[in-house]
PDB file of N, CA and C in Angstrom:
ATOM      1  N   MET A   1      -5.151   2.683 -37.839  1.00  0.00           N
ATOM      2  CA  MET A   1      -6.094   2.240 -36.845  1.00  0.00           C
ATOM      3  C   MET A   1      -5.454   1.128 -36.037  1.00  0.00           C
ATOM      4  N   ASP A   2      -5.540   1.232 -34.745  1.00  0.00           N
ATOM      5  CA  ASP A   2      -4.998   0.236 -33.832  1.00  0.00           C
ATOM      6  C   ASP A   2      -6.035  -0.837 -33.565  1.00  0.00           C
ATOM      7  N   THR A   3      -5.789  -2.034 -34.021  1.00  0.00           N
ATOM      8  CA  THR A   3      -6.721  -3.128 -33.799  1.00  0.00           C
ATOM      9  C   THR A   3      -5.981  -4.266 -33.132  1.00  0.00           C
ATOM     10  N   VAL A   4      -6.616  -4.882 -32.169  1.00  0.00           N
ATOM     11  CA  VAL A   4      -6.035  -6.041 -31.519  1.00  0.00           C
ATOM     12  C   VAL A   4      -6.691  -7.268 -32.133  1.00  0.00           C
ATOM     13  N   ASN A   5      -5.895  -8.149 -32.708  1.00  0.00           N
ATOM     14  CA  ASN A   5      -6.433  -9.360 -33.316  1.00  0.00           C
ATOM     15  C   ASN A   5      -5.618 -10.533 -32.793  1.00  0.00           C
ATOM     16  N   HIS A   6      -6.137 -11.170 -31.775  1.00  0.00           N
ATOM     17  CA  HIS A   6      -5.423 -12.270 -31.143  1.00  0.00           C
ATOM     18  C   HIS A   6      -5.752 -13.591 -31.821  1.00  0.00           C
ATOM     19  N   ALA A   7      -4.859 -14.537 -31.685  1.00  0.00           N
ATOM     20  CA  ALA A   7      -5.117 -15.880 -32.210  1.00  0.00           C
ATOM     21  C   ALA A   7      -6.288 -16.506 -31.461  1.00  0.00           C
ATOM     22  N   ASP A   8      -6.452 -16.129 -30.196  1.00  0.00           N
ATOM     23  CA  ASP A   8      -7.558 -16.618 -29.372  1.00  0.00           C
ATOM     24  C   ASP A   8      -8.663 -15.560 -29.405  1.00  0.00           C
ATOM     25  N   PRO A   9      -9.715 -15.760 -30.195  1.00  0.00           N
ATOM     26  CA  PRO A   9     -10.735 -14.718 -30.342  1.00  0.00           C
ATOM     27  C   PRO A   9     -11.540 -14.497 -29.063  1.00  0.00           C
ATOM     28  N   VAL A  10     -12.043 -13.283 -28.906  1.00  0.00           N
ATOM     29  CA  VAL A  10     -12.871 -12.948 -27.754  1.00  0.00           C
ATOM     30  C   VAL A  10     -14.217 -13.659 -27.876  1.00  0.00           C
ATOM     31  N   ILE A  11     -14.834 -13.570 -29.045  1.00  0.00           N
ATOM     32  CA  ILE A  11     -16.164 -14.114 -29.304  1.00  0.00           C
ATOM     33  C   ILE A  11     -16.091 -14.935 -30.577  1.00  0.00           C
ATOM     34  N   SER A  12     -16.883 -15.990 -30.653  1.00  0.00           N
ATOM     35  CA  SER A  12     -16.974 -16.730 -31.909  1.00  0.00           C
ATOM     36  C   SER A  12     -18.439 -16.890 -32.300  1.00  0.00           C
ATOM     37  N   LEU A  13     -18.670 -17.045 -33.586  1.00  0.00           N
ATOM     38  CA  LEU A  13     -20.010 -17.239 -34.134  1.00  0.00           C
ATOM     39  C   LEU A  13     -20.126 -18.637 -34.701  1.00  0.00           C
ATOM     40  N   THR A  14     -21.269 -19.267 -34.495  1.00  0.00           N
ATOM     41  CA  THR A  14     -21.538 -20.535 -35.166  1.00  0.00           C
ATOM     42  C   THR A  14     -21.891 -20.216 -36.617  1.00  0.00           C
ATOM     43  N   LEU A  15     -21.903 -21.226 -37.453  1.00  0.00           N
ATOM     44  CA  LEU A  15     -22.270 -21.040 -38.853  1.00  0.00           C
ATOM     45  C   LEU A  15     -23.679 -20.462 -38.975  1.00  0.00           C
ATOM     46  N   SER A  16     -24.596 -20.958 -38.175  1.00  0.00           N
ATOM     47  CA  SER A  16     -25.979 -20.479 -38.195  1.00  0.00           C
ATOM     48  C   SER A  16     -26.055 -18.989 -37.855  1.00  0.00           C
ATOM     49  N   ALA A  17     -25.322 -18.560 -36.834  1.00  0.00           N
ATOM     50  CA  ALA A  17     -25.309 -17.145 -36.448  1.00  0.00           C
ATOM     51  C   ALA A  17     -24.687 -16.288 -37.544  1.00  0.00           C
ATOM     52  N   ALA A  18     -23.589 -16.766 -38.122  1.00  0.00           N
ATOM     53  CA  ALA A  18     -22.922 -16.009 -39.186  1.00  0.00           C
ATOM     54  C   ALA A  18     -23.839 -15.830 -40.392  1.00  0.00           C
ATOM     55  N   GLU A  19     -24.568 -16.873 -40.749  1.00  0.00           N
ATOM     56  CA  GLU A  19     -25.487 -16.769 -41.886  1.00  0.00           C
ATOM     57  C   GLU A  19     -26.583 -15.744 -41.607  1.00  0.00           C
ATOM     58  N   GLN A  20     -27.107 -15.728 -40.395  1.00  0.00           N
ATOM     59  CA  GLN A  20     -28.147 -14.759 -40.032  1.00  0.00           C
ATOM     60  C   GLN A  20     -27.595 -13.336 -40.046  1.00  0.00           C
ATOM     61  N   VAL A  21     -26.400 -13.137 -39.510  1.00  0.00           N
ATOM     62  CA  VAL A  21     -25.780 -11.807 -39.496  1.00  0.00           C
ATOM     63  C   VAL A  21     -25.552 -11.331 -40.924  1.00  0.00           C
ATOM     64  N   ARG A  22     -25.051 -12.215 -41.793  1.00  0.00           N
ATOM     65  CA  ARG A  22     -24.833 -11.838 -43.208  1.00  0.00           C
ATOM     66  C   ARG A  22     -26.140 -11.406 -43.861  1.00  0.00           C
ATOM     67  N   ALA A  23     -27.215 -12.146 -43.611  1.00  0.00           N
ATOM     68  CA  ALA A  23     -28.521 -11.812 -44.184  1.00  0.00           C
ATOM     69  C   ALA A  23     -29.011 -10.457 -43.674  1.00  0.00           C
ATOM     70  N   MET A  24     -28.831 -10.196 -42.395  1.00  0.00           N
ATOM     71  CA  MET A  24     -29.254  -8.919 -41.818  1.00  0.00           C
ATOM     72  C   MET A  24     -28.413  -7.764 -42.355  1.00  0.00           C
ATOM     73  N   LEU A  25     -27.118  -7.983 -42.469  1.00  0.00           N
ATOM     74  CA  LEU A  25     -26.219  -6.941 -42.963  1.00  0.00           C
ATOM     75  C   LEU A  25     -26.521  -6.605 -44.418  1.00  0.00           C
ATOM     76  N   ALA A  26     -26.908  -7.598 -45.202  1.00  0.00           N
ATOM     77  CA  ALA A  26     -27.242  -7.374 -46.608  1.00  0.00           C
ATOM     78  C   ALA A  26     -28.461  -6.462 -46.753  1.00  0.00           C
ATOM     79  N   LYS A  27     -29.330  -6.446 -45.756  1.00  0.00           N
ATOM     80  CA  LYS A  27     -30.533  -5.605 -45.784  1.00  0.00           C
ATOM     81  C   LYS A  27     -30.270  -4.174 -45.316  1.00  0.00           C
ATOM     82  N   GLU A  28     -29.127  -3.939 -44.681  1.00  0.00           N
ATOM     83  CA  GLU A  28     -28.778  -2.611 -44.181  1.00  0.00           C
ATOM     84  C   GLU A  28     -28.425  -1.692 -45.358  1.00  0.00           C
ATOM     85  N   GLN A  29     -29.027  -0.518 -45.397  1.00  0.00           N
ATOM     86  CA  GLN A  29     -28.757   0.418 -46.485  1.00  0.00           C
ATOM     87  C   GLN A  29     -27.312   0.905 -46.475  1.00  0.00           C
ATOM     88  N   ASP A  30     -26.772   1.160 -45.308  1.00  0.00           N
ATOM     89  CA  ASP A  30     -25.395   1.654 -45.205  1.00  0.00           C
ATOM     90  C   ASP A  30     -24.484   0.608 -44.557  1.00  0.00           C
ATOM     91  N   GLY A  31     -24.701  -0.654 -44.901  1.00  0.00           N
ATOM     92  CA  GLY A  31     -23.971  -1.752 -44.279  1.00  0.00           C
ATOM     93  C   GLY A  31     -22.572  -2.004 -44.821  1.00  0.00           C
ATOM     94  N   ALA A  32     -22.211  -1.380 -45.936  1.00  0.00           N
ATOM     95  CA  ALA A  32     -20.900  -1.641 -46.543  1.00  0.00           C
ATOM     96  C   ALA A  32     -19.768  -1.299 -45.574  1.00  0.00           C
ATOM     97  N   GLY A  33     -18.864  -2.240 -45.379  1.00  0.00           N
ATOM     98  CA  GLY A  33     -17.698  -2.011 -44.527  1.00  0.00           C
ATOM     99  C   GLY A  33     -17.972  -2.169 -43.041  1.00  0.00           C
ATOM    100  N   LYS A  34     -19.194  -2.479 -42.668  1.00  0.00           N
ATOM    101  CA  LYS A  34     -19.516  -2.628 -41.248  1.00  0.00           C
ATOM    102  C   LYS A  34     -19.373  -4.081 -40.816  1.00  0.00           C
ATOM    103  N   ARG A  35     -19.185  -4.239 -39.520  1.00  0.00           N
ATOM    104  CA  ARG A  35     -19.047  -5.548 -38.906  1.00  0.00           C
ATOM    105  C   ARG A  35     -20.007  -5.639 -37.728  1.00  0.00           C
ATOM    106  N   LEU A  36     -20.143  -6.832 -37.206  1.00  0.00           N
ATOM    107  CA  LEU A  36     -20.987  -7.021 -36.035  1.00  0.00           C
ATOM    108  C   LEU A  36     -20.205  -6.636 -34.791  1.00  0.00           C
ATOM    109  N   ARG A  37     -20.725  -5.656 -34.056  1.00  0.00           N
ATOM    110  CA  ARG A  37     -20.115  -5.276 -32.783  1.00  0.00           C
ATOM    111  C   ARG A  37     -20.941  -5.912 -31.670  1.00  0.00           C
ATOM    112  N   VAL A  38     -20.263  -6.644 -30.779  1.00  0.00           N
ATOM    113  CA  VAL A  38     -20.914  -7.267 -29.631  1.00  0.00           C
ATOM    114  C   VAL A  38     -20.351  -6.576 -28.391  1.00  0.00           C
ATOM    115  N   TYR A  39     -21.249  -6.160 -27.503  1.00  0.00           N
ATOM    116  CA  TYR A  39     -20.819  -5.413 -26.325  1.00  0.00           C
ATOM    117  C   TYR A  39     -21.716  -5.751 -25.140  1.00  0.00           C
ATOM    118  N   VAL A  40     -21.309  -5.284 -23.972  1.00  0.00           N
ATOM    119  CA  VAL A  40     -22.140  -5.399 -22.774  1.00  0.00           C
ATOM    120  C   VAL A  40     -22.355  -4.009 -22.213  1.00  0.00           C
ATOM    121  N   GLU A  41     -23.484  -3.845 -21.545  1.00  0.00           N
ATOM    122  CA  GLU A  41     -23.794  -2.586 -20.876  1.00  0.00           C
ATOM    123  C   GLU A  41     -24.588  -2.897 -19.616  1.00  0.00           C
ATOM    124  N   LYS A  42     -24.635  -1.925 -18.709  1.00  0.00           N
ATOM    125  CA  LYS A  42     -25.407  -2.122 -17.488  1.00  0.00           C
ATOM    126  C   LYS A  42     -26.880  -2.145 -17.836  1.00  0.00           C
ATOM    127  N   GLY A  43     -27.601  -3.043 -17.166  1.00  0.00           N
ATOM    128  CA  GLY A  43     -29.036  -3.131 -17.391  1.00  0.00           C
ATOM    129  C   GLY A  43     -29.509  -4.561 -17.346  1.00  0.00           C
ATOM    130  N   GLY A  44     -30.764  -4.749 -17.688  1.00  0.00           N
ATOM    131  CA  GLY A  44     -31.339  -6.085 -17.667  1.00  0.00           C
ATOM    132  C   GLY A  44     -31.646  -6.527 -16.254  1.00  0.00           C
ATOM    133  N   CYS A  45     -32.254  -7.692 -16.117  1.00  0.00           N
ATOM    134  CA  CYS A  45     -32.661  -8.174 -14.796  1.00  0.00           C
ATOM    135  C   CYS A  45     -31.506  -8.698 -13.959  1.00  0.00           C
ATOM    136  N   SER A  46     -30.370  -8.998 -14.571  1.00  0.00           N
ATOM    137  CA  SER A  46     -29.248  -9.568 -13.809  1.00  0.00           C
ATOM    138  C   SER A  46     -28.070  -8.616 -13.656  1.00  0.00           C
ATOM    139  N   GLY A  47     -28.197  -7.377 -14.112  1.00  0.00           N
ATOM    140  CA  GLY A  47     -27.140  -6.386 -13.900  1.00  0.00           C
ATOM    141  C   GLY A  47     -26.397  -5.953 -15.152  1.00  0.00           C
ATOM    142  N   MET A  48     -26.183  -6.869 -16.093  1.00  0.00           N
ATOM    143  CA  MET A  48     -25.515  -6.533 -17.351  1.00  0.00           C
ATOM    144  C   MET A  48     -26.319  -7.153 -18.489  1.00  0.00           C
ATOM    145  N   GLN A  49     -26.312  -6.494 -19.636  1.00  0.00           N
ATOM    146  CA  GLN A  49     -27.019  -7.060 -20.777  1.00  0.00           C
ATOM    147  C   GLN A  49     -26.157  -6.984 -22.025  1.00  0.00           C
ATOM    148  N   TYR A  50     -26.439  -7.899 -22.952  1.00  0.00           N
ATOM    149  CA  TYR A  50     -25.713  -7.977 -24.208  1.00  0.00           C
ATOM    150  C   TYR A  50     -26.307  -6.997 -25.210  1.00  0.00           C
ATOM    151  N   GLY A  51     -25.448  -6.525 -26.094  1.00  0.00           N
ATOM    152  CA  GLY A  51     -25.906  -5.699 -27.197  1.00  0.00           C
ATOM    153  C   GLY A  51     -25.162  -6.078 -28.459  1.00  0.00           C
ATOM    154  N   MET A  52     -25.832  -5.949 -29.588  1.00  0.00           N
ATOM    155  CA  MET A  52     -25.212  -6.202 -30.886  1.00  0.00           C
ATOM    156  C   MET A  52     -25.688  -5.117 -31.849  1.00  0.00           C
ATOM    157  N   VAL A  53     -24.752  -4.614 -32.645  1.00  0.00           N
ATOM    158  CA  VAL A  53     -25.059  -3.565 -33.603  1.00  0.00           C
ATOM    159  C   VAL A  53     -24.066  -3.663 -34.757  1.00  0.00           C
ATOM    160  N   PHE A  54     -24.448  -3.185 -35.919  1.00  0.00           N
ATOM    161  CA  PHE A  54     -23.500  -3.105 -37.026  1.00  0.00           C
ATOM    162  C   PHE A  54     -22.739  -1.800 -36.896  1.00  0.00           C
ATOM    163  N   ASP A  55     -21.403  -1.880 -37.002  1.00  0.00           N
ATOM    164  CA  ASP A  55     -20.577  -0.719 -36.708  1.00  0.00           C
ATOM    165  C   ASP A  55     -19.265  -0.786 -37.483  1.00  0.00           C
ATOM    166  N   GLN A  56     -18.588   0.352 -37.535  1.00  0.00           N
ATOM    167  CA  GLN A  56     -17.247   0.436 -38.104  1.00  0.00           C
ATOM    168  C   GLN A  56     -16.234   0.072 -37.022  1.00  0.00           C
ATOM    169  N   GLN A  57     -15.091  -0.381 -37.449  1.00  0.00           N
ATOM    170  CA  GLN A  57     -14.013  -0.725 -36.525  1.00  0.00           C
ATOM    171  C   GLN A  57     -13.440   0.543 -35.908  1.00  0.00           C
ATOM    172  N   ARG A  58     -13.090   0.472 -34.629  1.00  0.00           N
ATOM    173  CA  ARG A  58     -12.518   1.606 -33.896  1.00  0.00           C
ATOM    174  C   ARG A  58     -11.153   1.226 -33.330  1.00  0.00           C
ATOM    175  N   ASP A  59     -10.371   2.236 -32.979  1.00  0.00           N
ATOM    176  CA  ASP A  59      -9.073   1.994 -32.354  1.00  0.00           C
ATOM    177  C   ASP A  59      -9.247   1.159 -31.091  1.00  0.00           C
ATOM    178  N   GLY A  60      -8.402   0.172 -30.920  1.00  0.00           N
ATOM    179  CA  GLY A  60      -8.410  -0.660 -29.730  1.00  0.00           C
ATOM    180  C   GLY A  60      -9.360  -1.842 -29.763  1.00  0.00           C
ATOM    181  N   ASP A  61     -10.183  -1.930 -30.809  1.00  0.00           N
ATOM    182  CA  ASP A  61     -11.132  -3.043 -30.903  1.00  0.00           C
ATOM    183  C   ASP A  61     -10.424  -4.383 -31.027  1.00  0.00           C
ATOM    184  N   PHE A  62     -11.015  -5.393 -30.443  1.00  0.00           N
ATOM    185  CA  PHE A  62     -10.627  -6.765 -30.705  1.00  0.00           C
ATOM    186  C   PHE A  62     -11.427  -7.173 -31.934  1.00  0.00           C
ATOM    187  N   ALA A  63     -10.781  -7.763 -32.911  1.00  0.00           N
ATOM    188  CA  ALA A  63     -11.458  -8.119 -34.158  1.00  0.00           C
ATOM    189  C   ALA A  63     -11.227  -9.587 -34.487  1.00  0.00           C
ATOM    190  N   GLY A  64     -12.241 -10.198 -35.058  1.00  0.00           N
ATOM    191  CA  GLY A  64     -12.152 -11.581 -35.500  1.00  0.00           C
ATOM    192  C   GLY A  64     -13.069 -11.777 -36.682  1.00  0.00           C
ATOM    193  N   GLU A  65     -12.928 -12.901 -37.346  1.00  0.00           N
ATOM    194  CA  GLU A  65     -13.799 -13.225 -38.465  1.00  0.00           C
ATOM    195  C   GLU A  65     -14.196 -14.687 -38.384  1.00  0.00           C
ATOM    196  N   PHE A  66     -15.503 -14.933 -38.543  1.00  0.00           N
ATOM    197  CA  PHE A  66     -16.052 -16.281 -38.434  1.00  0.00           C
ATOM    198  C   PHE A  66     -17.014 -16.523 -39.575  1.00  0.00           C
ATOM    199  N   HIS A  67     -16.709 -17.503 -40.399  1.00  0.00           N
ATOM    200  CA  HIS A  67     -17.559 -17.865 -41.534  1.00  0.00           C
ATOM    201  C   HIS A  67     -17.836 -16.641 -42.416  1.00  0.00           C
ATOM    202  N   GLY A  68     -16.819 -15.786 -42.583  1.00  0.00           N
ATOM    203  CA  GLY A  68     -16.941 -14.612 -43.440  1.00  0.00           C
ATOM    204  C   GLY A  68     -17.578 -13.401 -42.792  1.00  0.00           C
ATOM    205  N   VAL A  69     -17.849 -13.441 -41.499  1.00  0.00           N
ATOM    206  CA  VAL A  69     -18.471 -12.321 -40.797  1.00  0.00           C
ATOM    207  C   VAL A  69     -17.464 -11.722 -39.820  1.00  0.00           C
ATOM    208  N   GLY A  70     -17.215 -10.419 -39.963  1.00  0.00           N
ATOM    209  CA  GLY A  70     -16.322  -9.714 -39.051  1.00  0.00           C
ATOM    210  C   GLY A  70     -17.027  -9.409 -37.740  1.00  0.00           C
ATOM    211  N   VAL A  71     -16.317  -9.629 -36.625  1.00  0.00           N
ATOM    212  CA  VAL A  71     -16.869  -9.391 -35.294  1.00  0.00           C
ATOM    213  C   VAL A  71     -15.926  -8.464 -34.539  1.00  0.00           C
ATOM    214  N   LEU A  72     -16.497  -7.442 -33.907  1.00  0.00           N
ATOM    215  CA  LEU A  72     -15.732  -6.458 -33.139  1.00  0.00           C
ATOM    216  C   LEU A  72     -16.176  -6.473 -31.685  1.00  0.00           C
ATOM    217  N   THR A  73     -15.232  -6.217 -30.788  1.00  0.00           N
ATOM    218  CA  THR A  73     -15.532  -6.085 -29.369  1.00  0.00           C
ATOM    219  C   THR A  73     -14.620  -5.020 -28.790  1.00  0.00           C
ATOM    220  N   ASP A  74     -15.188  -4.107 -28.006  1.00  0.00           N
ATOM    221  CA  ASP A  74     -14.356  -3.092 -27.364  1.00  0.00           C
ATOM    222  C   ASP A  74     -13.611  -3.735 -26.193  1.00  0.00           C
ATOM    223  N   PRO A  75     -12.499  -3.126 -25.761  1.00  0.00           N
ATOM    224  CA  PRO A  75     -11.675  -3.732 -24.707  1.00  0.00           C
ATOM    225  C   PRO A  75     -12.403  -3.949 -23.381  1.00  0.00           C
ATOM    226  N   ILE A  76     -13.312  -3.060 -23.007  1.00  0.00           N
ATOM    227  CA  ILE A  76     -14.025  -3.201 -21.738  1.00  0.00           C
ATOM    228  C   ILE A  76     -14.981  -4.391 -21.804  1.00  0.00           C
ATOM    229  N   SER A  77     -15.735  -4.502 -22.891  1.00  0.00           N
ATOM    230  CA  SER A  77     -16.658  -5.625 -23.055  1.00  0.00           C
ATOM    231  C   SER A  77     -15.905  -6.940 -23.187  1.00  0.00           C
ATOM    232  N   ALA A  78     -14.731  -6.899 -23.810  1.00  0.00           N
ATOM    233  CA  ALA A  78     -13.950  -8.116 -24.040  1.00  0.00           C
ATOM    234  C   ALA A  78     -13.637  -8.837 -22.735  1.00  0.00           C
ATOM    235  N   ALA A  79     -13.477  -8.075 -21.656  1.00  0.00           N
ATOM    236  CA  ALA A  79     -13.144  -8.680 -20.365  1.00  0.00           C
ATOM    237  C   ALA A  79     -14.219  -9.650 -19.883  1.00  0.00           C
ATOM    238  N   VAL A  80     -15.494  -9.369 -20.168  1.00  0.00           N
ATOM    239  CA  VAL A  80     -16.564 -10.254 -19.718  1.00  0.00           C
ATOM    240  C   VAL A  80     -17.134 -11.127 -20.830  1.00  0.00           C
ATOM    241  N   LEU A  81     -16.711 -10.875 -22.064  1.00  0.00           N
ATOM    242  CA  LEU A  81     -17.213 -11.656 -23.196  1.00  0.00           C
ATOM    243  C   LEU A  81     -16.241 -12.729 -23.682  1.00  0.00           C
ATOM    244  N   ARG A  82     -15.015 -12.728 -23.175  1.00  0.00           N
ATOM    245  CA  ARG A  82     -14.014 -13.684 -23.664  1.00  0.00           C
ATOM    246  C   ARG A  82     -14.520 -15.117 -23.537  1.00  0.00           C
ATOM    247  N   GLY A  83     -14.501 -15.829 -24.662  1.00  0.00           N
ATOM    248  CA  GLY A  83     -14.928 -17.219 -24.682  1.00  0.00           C
ATOM    249  C   GLY A  83     -16.388 -17.412 -25.076  1.00  0.00           C
ATOM    250  N   CYS A  84     -17.109 -16.324 -25.303  1.00  0.00           N
ATOM    251  CA  CYS A  84     -18.527 -16.427 -25.676  1.00  0.00           C
ATOM    252  C   CYS A  84     -18.696 -17.045 -27.060  1.00  0.00           C
ATOM    253  N   VAL A  85     -19.771 -17.791 -27.212  1.00  0.00           N
ATOM    254  CA  VAL A  85     -20.162 -18.342 -28.504  1.00  0.00           C
ATOM    255  C   VAL A  85     -21.576 -17.841 -28.789  1.00  0.00           C
ATOM    256  N   ILE A  86     -21.754 -17.257 -29.974  1.00  0.00           N
ATOM    257  CA  ILE A  86     -23.066 -16.768 -30.382  1.00  0.00           C
ATOM    258  C   ILE A  86     -23.630 -17.728 -31.418  1.00  0.00           C
ATOM    259  N   ASP A  87     -24.837 -18.195 -31.154  1.00  0.00           N
ATOM    260  CA  ASP A  87     -25.535 -19.110 -32.038  1.00  0.00           C
ATOM    261  C   ASP A  87     -26.854 -18.467 -32.444  1.00  0.00           C
ATOM    262  N   PHE A  88     -27.480 -19.001 -33.484  1.00  0.00           N
ATOM    263  CA  PHE A  88     -28.797 -18.519 -33.906  1.00  0.00           C
ATOM    264  C   PHE A  88     -29.695 -19.715 -34.138  1.00  0.00           C
ATOM    265  N   LYS A  89     -30.880 -19.662 -33.557  1.00  0.00           N
ATOM    266  CA  LYS A  89     -31.892 -20.709 -33.734  1.00  0.00           C
ATOM    267  C   LYS A  89     -33.102 -20.081 -34.398  1.00  0.00           C
ATOM    268  N   ASP A  90     -33.542 -20.680 -35.500  1.00  0.00           N
ATOM    269  CA  ASP A  90     -34.718 -20.203 -36.226  1.00  0.00           C
ATOM    270  C   ASP A  90     -35.920 -21.029 -35.784  1.00  0.00           C
ATOM    271  N   GLU A  91     -36.476 -20.668 -34.633  1.00  0.00           N
ATOM    272  CA  GLU A  91     -37.586 -21.404 -34.048  1.00  0.00           C
ATOM    273  C   GLU A  91     -38.674 -20.435 -33.627  1.00  0.00           C
ATOM    274  N   LEU A  92     -39.912 -20.891 -33.646  1.00  0.00           N
ATOM    275  CA  LEU A  92     -41.021 -20.040 -33.223  1.00  0.00           C
ATOM    276  C   LEU A  92     -40.938 -19.704 -31.744  1.00  0.00           C
ATOM    277  N   THR A  93     -40.612 -20.687 -30.933  1.00  0.00           N
ATOM    278  CA  THR A  93     -40.505 -20.474 -29.497  1.00  0.00           C
ATOM    279  C   THR A  93     -39.042 -20.553 -29.090  1.00  0.00           C
ATOM    280  N   GLY A  94     -38.540 -19.486 -28.496  1.00  0.00           N
ATOM    281  CA  GLY A  94     -37.161 -19.484 -28.016  1.00  0.00           C
ATOM    282  C   GLY A  94     -36.127 -19.300 -29.107  1.00  0.00           C
ATOM    283  N   GLY A  95     -36.538 -18.841 -30.283  1.00  0.00           N
ATOM    284  CA  GLY A  95     -35.597 -18.628 -31.379  1.00  0.00           C
ATOM    285  C   GLY A  95     -34.843 -17.317 -31.230  1.00  0.00           C
ATOM    286  N   GLY A  96     -33.897 -17.093 -32.114  1.00  0.00           N
ATOM    287  CA  GLY A  96     -33.108 -15.865 -32.107  1.00  0.00           C
ATOM    288  C   GLY A  96     -31.658 -16.141 -31.762  1.00  0.00           C
ATOM    289  N   PHE A  97     -30.922 -15.073 -31.497  1.00  0.00           N
ATOM    290  CA  PHE A  97     -29.514 -15.206 -31.131  1.00  0.00           C
ATOM    291  C   PHE A  97     -29.408 -15.665 -29.688  1.00  0.00           C
ATOM    292  N   LYS A  98     -28.515 -16.605 -29.453  1.00  0.00           N
ATOM    293  CA  LYS A  98     -28.246 -17.130 -28.113  1.00  0.00           C
ATOM    294  C   LYS A  98     -26.764 -16.965 -27.830  1.00  0.00           C
ATOM    295  N   ILE A  99     -26.450 -16.379 -26.691  1.00  0.00           N
ATOM    296  CA  ILE A  99     -25.057 -16.163 -26.305  1.00  0.00           C
ATOM    297  C   ILE A  99     -24.725 -17.080 -25.140  1.00  0.00           C
ATOM    298  N   SER A 100     -23.739 -17.940 -25.349  1.00  0.00           N
ATOM    299  CA  SER A 100     -23.232 -18.807 -24.280  1.00  0.00           C
ATOM    300  C   SER A 100     -21.979 -18.148 -23.728  1.00  0.00           C
ATOM    301  N   ASN A 101     -22.063 -17.693 -22.483  1.00  0.00           N
ATOM    302  CA  ASN A 101     -20.971 -16.950 -21.872  1.00  0.00           C
ATOM    303  C   ASN A 101     -20.401 -17.738 -20.694  1.00  0.00           C
ATOM    304  N   PRO A 102     -19.157 -18.232 -20.831  1.00  0.00           N
ATOM    305  CA  PRO A 102     -18.549 -18.998 -19.736  1.00  0.00           C
ATOM    306  C   PRO A 102     -18.223 -18.141 -18.517  1.00  0.00           C
ATOM    307  N   ASN A 103     -18.276 -16.804 -18.661  1.00  0.00           N
ATOM    308  CA  ASN A 103     -17.953 -15.899 -17.565  1.00  0.00           C
ATOM    309  C   ASN A 103     -19.181 -15.490 -16.751  1.00  0.00           C
ATOM    310  N   ALA A 104     -20.360 -15.866 -17.194  1.00  0.00           N
ATOM    311  CA  ALA A 104     -21.586 -15.482 -16.496  1.00  0.00           C
ATOM    312  C   ALA A 104     -21.800 -16.393 -15.292  1.00  0.00           C
ATOM    313  N   ARG A 105     -21.890 -15.789 -14.121  1.00  0.00           N
ATOM    314  CA  ARG A 105     -22.170 -16.561 -12.908  1.00  0.00           C
ATOM    315  C   ARG A 105     -23.647 -16.893 -12.826  1.00  0.00           C
ATOM    316  N   GLN A 106     -24.452 -16.009 -13.375  1.00  0.00           N
ATOM    317  CA  GLN A 106     -25.898 -16.192 -13.315  1.00  0.00           C
ATOM    318  C   GLN A 106     -26.509 -15.514 -14.533  1.00  0.00           C
ATOM    319  N   SER A 107     -27.494 -16.135 -15.158  1.00  0.00           N
ATOM    320  CA  SER A 107     -28.225 -15.552 -16.269  1.00  0.00           C
ATOM    321  C   SER A 107     -29.696 -15.542 -15.908  1.00  0.00           C
ATOM    322  N   CYS A 108     -30.424 -14.591 -16.492  1.00  0.00           N
ATOM    323  CA  CYS A 108     -31.849 -14.553 -16.207  1.00  0.00           C
ATOM    324  C   CYS A 108     -32.606 -15.396 -17.221  1.00  0.00           C
ATOM    325  N   GLY A 109     -33.863 -15.584 -17.001  1.00  0.00           N
ATOM    326  CA  GLY A 109     -34.682 -16.417 -17.872  1.00  0.00           C
ATOM    327  C   GLY A 109     -34.810 -15.899 -19.278  1.00  0.00           C
ATOM    328  N   CYS A 110     -34.671 -14.587 -19.472  1.00  0.00           N
ATOM    329  CA  CYS A 110     -34.825 -14.021 -20.819  1.00  0.00           C
ATOM    330  C   CYS A 110     -33.615 -14.321 -21.693  1.00  0.00           C
ATOM    331  N   GLY A 111     -32.460 -14.631 -21.072  1.00  0.00           N
ATOM    332  CA  GLY A 111     -31.262 -14.955 -21.833  1.00  0.00           C
ATOM    333  C   GLY A 111     -30.525 -13.744 -22.392  1.00  0.00           C
ATOM    334  N   LYS A 112     -31.004 -12.553 -22.064  1.00  0.00           N
ATOM    335  CA  LYS A 112     -30.375 -11.341 -22.596  1.00  0.00           C
ATOM    336  C   LYS A 112     -29.582 -10.588 -21.544  1.00  0.00           C
ATOM    337  N   SER A 113     -29.661 -11.004 -20.296  1.00  0.00           N
ATOM    338  CA  SER A 113     -28.865 -10.341 -19.268  1.00  0.00           C
ATOM    339  C   SER A 113     -28.192 -11.386 -18.387  1.00  0.00           C
ATOM    340  N   PHE A 114     -27.152 -10.937 -17.689  1.00  0.00           N
ATOM    341  CA  PHE A 114     -26.340 -11.872 -16.905  1.00  0.00           C
ATOM    342  C   PHE A 114     -25.609 -11.118 -15.819  1.00  0.00           C
ATOM    343  N   GLU A 115     -25.029 -11.879 -14.904  1.00  0.00           N
ATOM    344  CA  GLU A 115     -24.161 -11.344 -13.861  1.00  0.00           C
ATOM    345  C   GLU A 115     -22.792 -11.946 -14.063  1.00  0.00           C
ATOM    346  N   ALA A 116     -21.778 -11.082 -14.139  1.00  0.00           N
ATOM    347  CA  ALA A 116     -20.403 -11.568 -14.384  1.00  0.00           C
ATOM    348  C   ALA A 116     -19.711 -11.889 -13.085  1.00  0.00           C
TER     349      ALA A 116
END
């Protein structure tokens, strides 16, 4: 399998995000060997939206590990996700995963879509 693993990771996870991902992965019935895949796709109010799913590693993926959690990104998504930090806030209002993307020129109020 061809994997790109650079010293400079595409995406990083905070400790809080890694702990949440580990907890979610532990609940997955077929989670063994899977990692967190972070990607972008067309959609959302600003033109592009973030996606996260548990997945197996594929040829050409950028791979990293943060606080014991494997993170995968496909080469196309990596172009707009480079430098992103994913955090998790456990709050009633505004809680959940938060992605800070230095490449986003504009983000919408929902925090799930952006313009690169």
